């Protein structure tokens, strides 16, 4: 059985990359940076902490 753990939306808004994350544990949050790699690093570390606590 599949279970949705989170929803991730990544968009480019002007000069910034924006990652919008929604999960049951962490709620809604947004990460923003001009560098794509920085946005990825920010939300991956956050999600890793969140899911390790499950």
N, C-alpha and C. Protein backbone atom coordinates (compact mmCIF):
# COMPACT_ATOMS: atom_id res chain seq x y z
N UNK A 1 0.83 -1.18 0.00
CA UNK A 1 0.00 0.00 0.00
C UNK A 1 0.88 1.25 0.00
N UNK A 2 0.56 2.20 -0.84
CA UNK A 2 1.31 3.44 -0.91
C UNK A 2 0.75 4.46 0.06
N UNK A 3 1.66 5.26 0.60
CA UNK A 3 1.27 6.33 1.51
C UNK A 3 2.01 7.59 1.12
N UNK A 4 1.29 8.67 0.91
CA UNK A 4 1.92 9.94 0.56
C UNK A 4 2.51 10.55 1.83
N UNK A 5 3.83 10.75 1.82
CA UNK A 5 4.51 11.32 2.98
C UNK A 5 4.59 12.84 2.90
N UNK A 6 4.79 13.35 1.69
CA UNK A 6 4.86 14.80 1.53
C UNK A 6 4.60 15.18 0.09
N UNK A 7 4.30 16.43 -0.09
CA UNK A 7 4.11 17.00 -1.42
C UNK A 7 5.16 18.07 -1.61
N UNK A 8 5.88 18.02 -2.76
CA UNK A 8 6.95 18.98 -3.03
C UNK A 8 6.68 19.64 -4.37
N UNK A 9 6.70 20.96 -4.36
CA UNK A 9 6.54 21.73 -5.59
C UNK A 9 7.74 22.66 -5.70
N UNK A 10 8.45 22.60 -6.83
CA UNK A 10 9.60 23.47 -7.05
C UNK A 10 9.29 24.35 -8.25
N UNK A 11 9.40 25.66 -8.04
CA UNK A 11 9.11 26.60 -9.12
C UNK A 11 10.24 27.63 -9.20
N UNK A 12 10.31 28.31 -10.33
CA UNK A 12 11.25 29.42 -10.49
C UNK A 12 10.42 30.69 -10.50
N UNK A 13 10.72 31.57 -9.58
CA UNK A 13 9.97 32.81 -9.40
C UNK A 13 10.97 33.97 -9.52
N UNK A 14 10.91 34.68 -10.65
CA UNK A 14 11.89 35.73 -10.96
C UNK A 14 13.29 35.12 -10.94
N UNK A 15 14.16 35.54 -10.05
CA UNK A 15 15.53 34.99 -9.99
C UNK A 15 15.69 33.92 -8.93
N UNK A 16 14.62 33.57 -8.24
CA UNK A 16 14.70 32.61 -7.14
C UNK A 16 14.06 31.27 -7.50
N UNK A 17 14.65 30.20 -6.95
CA UNK A 17 14.00 28.90 -6.95
C UNK A 17 13.24 28.79 -5.64
N UNK A 18 12.01 28.30 -5.72
CA UNK A 18 11.16 28.19 -4.54
C UNK A 18 10.68 26.75 -4.42
N UNK A 19 10.91 26.14 -3.27
CA UNK A 19 10.40 24.80 -2.99
C UNK A 19 9.31 24.93 -1.94
N UNK A 20 8.13 24.45 -2.28
CA UNK A 20 7.00 24.47 -1.34
C UNK A 20 6.74 23.03 -0.92
N UNK A 21 6.81 22.80 0.38
CA UNK A 21 6.69 21.46 0.94
C UNK A 21 5.47 21.41 1.84
N UNK A 22 4.73 20.31 1.74
CA UNK A 22 3.59 20.08 2.63
C UNK A 22 3.67 18.64 3.13
N UNK A 23 3.61 18.49 4.46
CA UNK A 23 3.59 17.15 5.06
C UNK A 23 2.74 17.19 6.32
N UNK A 24 2.30 16.03 6.75
CA UNK A 24 1.48 15.96 7.96
C UNK A 24 2.26 16.38 9.20
N UNK A 25 3.51 15.96 9.30
CA UNK A 25 4.31 16.27 10.49
C UNK A 25 4.79 17.71 10.50
N UNK A 26 5.30 18.20 9.39
CA UNK A 26 5.91 19.52 9.35
C UNK A 26 5.00 20.63 8.86
N UNK A 27 3.83 20.28 8.36
CA UNK A 27 2.92 21.30 7.84
C UNK A 27 3.41 21.88 6.53
N UNK A 28 3.04 23.11 6.26
CA UNK A 28 3.44 23.81 5.04
C UNK A 28 4.67 24.66 5.33
N UNK A 29 5.63 24.61 4.41
CA UNK A 29 6.80 25.47 4.53
C UNK A 29 7.36 25.76 3.14
N UNK A 30 8.20 26.78 3.09
CA UNK A 30 8.74 27.24 1.82
C UNK A 30 10.22 27.55 1.97
N UNK A 31 11.00 27.15 0.97
CA UNK A 31 12.43 27.41 0.93
C UNK A 31 12.71 28.20 -0.33
N UNK A 32 13.59 29.19 -0.24
CA UNK A 32 13.84 30.09 -1.36
C UNK A 32 15.33 30.41 -1.45
N UNK A 33 15.86 30.37 -2.67
CA UNK A 33 17.25 30.75 -2.90
C UNK A 33 17.44 31.01 -4.39
N UNK A 34 18.46 31.79 -4.71
CA UNK A 34 18.81 32.00 -6.11
C UNK A 34 19.51 30.78 -6.69
N UNK A 35 20.07 29.93 -5.82
CA UNK A 35 20.77 28.73 -6.27
C UNK A 35 19.89 27.49 -6.06
N UNK A 36 19.68 26.74 -7.11
CA UNK A 36 18.85 25.54 -7.05
C UNK A 36 19.39 24.55 -6.03
N UNK A 37 20.71 24.38 -6.01
CA UNK A 37 21.33 23.42 -5.09
C UNK A 37 21.07 23.80 -3.63
N UNK A 38 21.04 25.09 -3.33
CA UNK A 38 20.77 25.53 -1.96
C UNK A 38 19.35 25.19 -1.53
N UNK A 39 18.39 25.36 -2.44
CA UNK A 39 17.00 25.01 -2.13
C UNK A 39 16.89 23.52 -1.87
N UNK A 40 17.51 22.71 -2.73
CA UNK A 40 17.47 21.26 -2.54
C UNK A 40 18.09 20.86 -1.20
N UNK A 41 19.24 21.40 -0.89
CA UNK A 41 19.92 21.06 0.36
C UNK A 41 19.06 21.43 1.56
N UNK A 42 18.45 22.60 1.52
CA UNK A 42 17.63 23.06 2.64
C UNK A 42 16.47 22.11 2.91
N UNK A 43 15.70 21.78 1.87
CA UNK A 43 14.52 20.96 2.16
C UNK A 43 14.84 19.49 2.33
N UNK A 44 15.90 18.99 1.71
CA UNK A 44 16.27 17.59 1.91
C UNK A 44 16.70 17.35 3.36
N UNK A 45 17.51 18.25 3.90
CA UNK A 45 17.95 18.10 5.29
C UNK A 45 16.76 18.18 6.25
N UNK A 46 15.85 19.11 5.98
CA UNK A 46 14.66 19.26 6.82
C UNK A 46 13.79 18.01 6.77
N UNK A 47 13.55 17.49 5.57
CA UNK A 47 12.71 16.29 5.44
C UNK A 47 13.40 15.07 6.05
N UNK A 48 14.71 14.99 5.91
CA UNK A 48 15.43 13.87 6.50
C UNK A 48 15.26 13.85 8.01
N UNK A 49 15.40 15.00 8.65
CA UNK A 49 15.18 15.08 10.10
C UNK A 49 13.75 14.70 10.46
N UNK A 50 12.81 15.20 9.68
CA UNK A 50 11.40 14.93 9.95
C UNK A 50 11.07 13.44 9.87
N UNK A 51 11.57 12.78 8.82
CA UNK A 51 11.21 11.37 8.63
C UNK A 51 12.03 10.44 9.53
N UNK A 52 13.19 10.87 9.98
CA UNK A 52 13.94 10.05 10.93
C UNK A 52 13.26 10.00 12.29
N UNK A 53 12.46 11.01 12.59
CA UNK A 53 11.77 11.06 13.88
C UNK A 53 10.47 10.26 13.87
N UNK A 54 10.11 9.71 12.74
CA UNK A 54 8.85 8.94 12.63
C UNK A 54 8.97 7.60 13.31
